[in-house]
Amino acid sequence: MADVQPTQPRSRRAARVASLAALVLLIPLLSGCLRVQVSMGVSADDRVSGQIVAATVPADENDKGPELVVPDSLTSKVRVQPYSQDGYVGAQAFFSDLTFGDVEQLGQLSAENSGTFQIQLQRSGDLVTLDGKVDLKSVPTQGSDVQFTIAFPARVATTNGTREGDSIVSWKLAPGDVSTLRAEVKYADPSTRSFAGWAGIMGGVTLGVAAIVAALAYMNRNPRPPRPSRRTAERQTEDA
């Protein structure tokens, strides 16, 4: 039986995961104070879910705050609704089951900006790294609230953020400044884990076939002599 090979060679997979995705979130700012809250969770299958709040203190009663428009490619995975809380108005986006590639497209939610989140998730084997740079130089320092929180499926090994638990890290980002984000976590590569499971099934099938072949070979190894017919048996008795 031919050897079973993975659908994607390890070298190609390593190149693919060297830089899985880059997230660029444009922070809309119309006027006044700003509130941006980004929270996301990464599953063990490298799927990302979470929400984004983008809001400002309205200049007048007609000011609805910033808008978030979902790219066509993400309409089935992102939902946007109006946001109004604590005197802020704007939009709130909920997303689920995003791949790392999909996360990159979240940067298309807004065309207006006064600052940028640049967030990159990278995988190398079992190591997942979060790197980010947040430029808030043009964001008002008074009354602005900018936060980023991420949860991983395993304990965070190292980070420059604030630990909210073994697997959750948050950053309260300073308006008027540039901040960096860093976190590392180890958990199994889902593509490797999936192949291992598939290989286990194939191994079971192979062993099953081998067992059948071995049983047939054993049964045919010493074939029993054919039983004599009744007439032959009677003749042998007469001769005796």
Protein backbone atom coordinates (compact mmCIF):
# COMPACT_ATOMS: atom_id res chain seq x y z
CA MET A 1 0.00 0.00 0.00
CA ALA A 2 1.38 3.42 -0.96
CA ASP A 3 2.52 5.72 1.80
CA VAL A 4 0.00 8.37 2.79
CA GLN A 5 1.41 11.86 2.34
CA PRO A 6 0.00 15.06 3.91
CA THR A 7 -1.98 17.23 1.54
CA GLN A 8 0.42 20.11 2.18
CA PRO A 9 4.19 19.55 2.53
CA ARG A 10 5.66 20.76 5.78
CA SER A 11 7.98 23.19 4.01
CA ARG A 12 5.06 24.87 2.22
CA ARG A 13 3.03 24.97 5.41
CA ALA A 14 5.94 26.55 7.27
CA ALA A 15 6.17 29.24 4.59
CA ARG A 16 2.44 29.84 4.83
CA VAL A 17 2.43 30.23 8.59
CA ALA A 18 5.53 32.41 8.63
CA SER A 19 3.21 35.39 8.27
CA LEU A 20 -0.41 34.36 8.49
CA ALA A 21 -2.11 37.72 8.54
CA ALA A 22 -1.86 41.40 9.35
CA LEU A 23 -4.70 43.33 10.92
CA VAL A 24 -5.01 47.03 10.25
CA LEU A 25 -7.87 48.71 12.13
CA LEU A 26 -8.45 52.30 11.12
CA ILE A 27 -9.72 54.37 14.03
CA PRO A 28 -12.41 56.81 12.91
CA LEU A 29 -12.38 60.19 14.56
CA LEU A 30 -14.94 62.84 13.74
CA SER A 31 -14.62 65.22 16.68
CA GLY A 32 -14.27 65.23 20.43
CA CYS A 33 -13.22 62.33 22.62
CA LEU A 34 -12.69 58.85 21.22
CA ARG A 35 -13.58 55.35 22.43
CA VAL A 36 -12.10 52.35 20.66
CA GLN A 37 -12.42 48.93 22.23
CA VAL A 38 -11.16 45.88 20.36
CA SER A 39 -11.55 42.44 21.88
CA MET A 40 -10.94 39.13 20.17
CA GLY A 41 -10.44 35.49 20.97
CA VAL A 42 -8.32 32.99 19.07
CA SER A 43 -9.53 29.39 19.11
CA ALA A 44 -7.40 26.25 19.05
CA ASP A 45 -8.26 25.98 15.33
CA ASP A 46 -6.83 29.46 14.61
CA ARG A 47 -10.30 30.98 14.22
CA VAL A 48 -10.91 34.49 15.49
CA SER A 49 -14.08 35.97 17.00
CA GLY A 50 -14.75 39.21 18.84
CA GLN A 51 -16.04 42.74 18.59
CA ILE A 52 -14.96 46.30 17.79
CA VAL A 53 -16.44 49.47 19.28
CA ALA A 54 -15.69 52.76 17.52
CA ALA A 55 -17.39 55.79 19.05
CA THR A 56 -16.97 59.49 19.82
CA VAL A 57 -18.67 62.11 21.97
CA PRO A 58 -21.14 63.69 19.54
CA ALA A 59 -20.69 67.33 18.56
CA ASP A 60 -24.47 67.82 18.37
CA GLU A 61 -27.71 65.87 18.30
CA ASN A 62 -27.29 65.05 14.61
CA ASP A 63 -23.84 63.57 15.09
CA LYS A 64 -24.17 59.77 14.86
CA GLY A 65 -20.49 59.13 15.36
CA PRO A 66 -18.20 56.97 13.18
CA GLU A 67 -19.61 54.32 10.86
CA LEU A 68 -18.29 50.82 10.22
CA VAL A 69 -18.99 49.33 6.80
CA VAL A 70 -18.51 45.59 6.29
CA PRO A 71 -16.51 44.51 3.21
CA ASP A 72 -18.44 42.28 0.81
CA SER A 73 -16.08 39.40 1.51
CA LEU A 74 -17.00 39.42 5.22
CA THR A 75 -20.76 40.01 5.12
CA SER A 76 -21.50 36.50 6.38
CA LYS A 77 -19.05 36.80 9.28
CA VAL A 78 -19.37 40.40 10.49
CA ARG A 79 -22.44 42.19 11.84
CA VAL A 80 -22.57 45.93 12.58
CA GLN A 81 -25.05 47.76 14.78
CA PRO A 82 -25.32 51.30 16.21
CA TYR A 83 -23.56 51.97 19.50
CA SER A 84 -24.65 54.40 22.20
CA GLN A 85 -23.30 54.23 25.73
CA ASP A 86 -21.89 56.57 28.39
CA GLY A 87 -22.37 59.60 26.15
CA TYR A 88 -20.52 58.03 23.21
CA VAL A 89 -22.17 57.24 19.87
CA GLY A 90 -20.87 55.27 16.92
CA ALA A 91 -20.86 51.66 15.73
CA GLN A 92 -20.18 48.21 17.10
CA ALA A 93 -19.04 45.30 14.93
CA PHE A 94 -19.32 41.65 15.92
CA PHE A 95 -17.26 39.06 14.04
CA SER A 96 -16.93 35.29 14.31
CA ASP A 97 -15.14 32.33 12.73
CA LEU A 98 -12.61 34.54 10.95
CA THR A 99 -9.44 33.03 9.59
CA PHE A 100 -6.20 34.92 10.10
CA GLY A 101 -6.56 36.03 6.47
CA ASP A 102 -10.06 37.37 7.16
CA VAL A 103 -8.77 39.36 10.13
CA GLU A 104 -6.60 41.40 7.79
CA GLN A 105 -9.72 42.63 5.99
CA LEU A 106 -11.15 44.14 9.17
CA GLY A 107 -9.04 47.16 8.31
CA GLN A 108 -11.55 47.92 5.56
CA LEU A 109 -14.35 48.62 8.06
CA SER A 110 -13.62 52.35 7.94
CA ALA A 111 -12.07 54.76 5.48
CA GLU A 112 -11.65 57.64 7.96
CA ASN A 113 -8.91 57.51 10.53
CA SER A 114 -6.73 59.47 12.87
CA GLY A 115 -4.63 56.56 14.02
CA THR A 116 -3.97 52.94 13.20
CA PHE A 117 -3.82 49.54 14.80
CA GLN A 118 -1.35 47.26 13.04
CA ILE A 119 -1.75 43.79 14.50
CA GLN A 120 0.01 40.72 13.13
CA LEU A 121 -0.54 37.11 14.14
CA GLN A 122 2.21 34.70 13.15
CA ARG A 123 2.59 30.97 13.61
CA SER A 124 5.84 29.02 13.50
CA GLY A 125 5.22 25.40 14.39
CA ASP A 126 3.42 25.43 17.73
CA LEU A 127 4.41 29.02 18.55
CA VAL A 128 1.89 31.80 17.89
CA THR A 129 3.11 35.39 18.18
CA LEU A 130 1.11 38.60 18.37
CA ASP A 131 2.96 41.75 17.29
CA GLY A 132 1.32 45.13 17.11
CA LYS A 133 1.99 48.82 16.72
CA VAL A 134 -0.66 51.37 17.61
CA ASP A 135 -0.19 54.97 16.48
CA LEU A 136 -2.45 57.33 18.43
CA LYS A 137 -0.48 60.55 18.02
CA SER A 138 -3.47 62.43 16.57
CA VAL A 139 -5.97 61.15 19.14
CA PRO A 140 -7.03 63.65 21.86
CA THR A 141 -5.38 62.83 25.17
CA GLN A 142 -8.31 64.02 27.28
CA GLY A 143 -11.31 61.73 27.57
CA SER A 144 -10.15 59.13 25.05
CA ASP A 145 -10.38 55.44 25.87
CA VAL A 146 -8.51 52.99 23.63
CA GLN A 147 -8.21 49.34 24.64
CA PHE A 148 -7.20 46.07 23.04
CA THR A 149 -7.82 42.64 24.57
CA ILE A 150 -7.05 39.19 23.19
CA ALA A 151 -7.67 35.69 24.54
CA PHE A 152 -5.73 32.62 23.42
CA PRO A 153 -6.56 28.91 23.80
CA ALA A 154 -3.49 28.33 25.99
CA ARG A 155 -1.38 30.07 28.61
CA VAL A 156 0.44 33.16 27.37
CA ALA A 157 4.17 32.58 27.75
CA THR A 158 5.44 36.18 27.43
CA THR A 159 3.79 39.56 26.91
CA ASN A 160 4.26 43.29 27.46
CA GLY A 161 0.55 43.69 28.22
CA THR A 162 -1.47 43.25 31.39
CA ARG A 163 -2.39 39.67 32.20
CA GLU A 164 -6.09 39.22 32.94
CA GLY A 165 -5.55 35.49 33.47
CA ASP A 166 -3.37 32.72 32.12
CA SER A 167 -4.63 33.10 28.56
CA ILE A 168 -5.95 36.70 28.37
CA VAL A 169 -3.91 39.85 27.82
CA SER A 170 -5.06 43.46 27.58
CA TRP A 171 -3.51 46.81 26.73
CA LYS A 172 -4.80 50.27 27.67
CA LEU A 173 -3.26 52.38 24.94
CA ALA A 174 -2.09 55.93 25.52
CA PRO A 175 -3.62 58.63 23.27
CA GLY A 176 -1.06 60.97 21.73
CA ASP A 177 1.60 58.27 21.67
CA VAL A 178 2.77 55.14 19.81
CA SER A 179 2.41 51.82 21.64
CA THR A 180 3.66 48.32 20.88
CA LEU A 181 1.92 45.02 21.62
CA ARG A 182 3.64 41.70 22.12
CA ALA A 183 2.51 38.25 23.22
CA GLU A 184 3.63 34.67 22.64
CA VAL A 185 1.70 31.46 23.24
CA LYS A 186 2.24 27.82 22.37
CA TYR A 187 -0.46 25.44 21.22
CA ALA A 188 -0.65 22.74 18.57
CA ASP A 189 -0.73 23.71 14.90
CA PRO A 190 -4.29 22.80 13.83
CA SER A 191 -3.14 21.67 10.38
CA THR A 192 -0.68 19.25 11.98
CA ARG A 193 -3.25 18.10 14.49
CA SER A 194 -5.84 17.48 11.77
CA PHE A 195 -3.39 15.50 9.66
CA ALA A 196 -2.35 13.46 12.66
CA GLY A 197 -5.97 12.50 13.25
CA TRP A 198 -6.48 11.64 9.58
CA ALA A 199 -3.24 9.66 9.53
CA GLY A 200 -4.45 7.78 12.60
CA ILE A 201 -7.65 6.81 10.81
CA MET A 202 -5.71 5.72 7.74
CA GLY A 203 -3.33 3.79 9.98
CA GLY A 204 -6.30 2.00 11.53
CA VAL A 205 -7.64 1.10 8.11
CA THR A 206 -4.21 -0.13 7.05
CA LEU A 207 -3.88 -2.26 10.16
CA GLY A 208 -7.37 -3.64 9.58
CA VAL A 209 -6.54 -4.66 6.02
CA ALA A 210 -3.24 -6.14 7.16
CA ALA A 211 -5.04 -8.19 9.81
CA ILE A 212 -7.46 -9.58 7.21
CA VAL A 213 -4.60 -10.43 4.85
CA ALA A 214 -2.68 -12.10 7.70
CA ALA A 215 -5.73 -14.13 8.70
CA LEU A 216 -6.29 -15.31 5.12
CA ALA A 217 -2.62 -16.17 4.78
CA TYR A 218 -2.75 -18.17 8.02
CA MET A 219 -5.86 -20.04 6.95
CA ASN A 220 -4.31 -20.92 3.58
CA ARG A 221 -0.87 -21.73 4.96
CA ASN A 222 -1.64 -25.46 5.64
CA PRO A 223 -4.71 -26.33 3.63
CA ARG A 224 -6.61 -29.31 5.00
CA PRO A 225 -6.79 -32.42 2.77
CA PRO A 226 -10.20 -32.83 1.14
CA ARG A 227 -12.60 -35.06 3.03
CA PRO A 228 -13.15 -38.42 1.18
CA SER A 229 -16.53 -38.92 -0.36
CA ARG A 230 -18.92 -41.51 1.15
CA ARG A 231 -18.30 -43.95 -1.73
CA THR A 232 -14.54 -43.66 -1.34
CA ALA A 233 -14.85 -44.25 2.38
CA GLU A 234 -16.99 -47.39 1.83
CA ARG A 235 -14.46 -48.73 -0.72
CA GLN A 236 -11.57 -48.17 1.70
CA THR A 237 -13.54 -50.09 4.34
CA GLU A 238 -14.16 -53.07 1.96
CA ASP A 239 -10.47 -53.16 1.00
CA ALA A 240 -9.55 -53.30 4.65
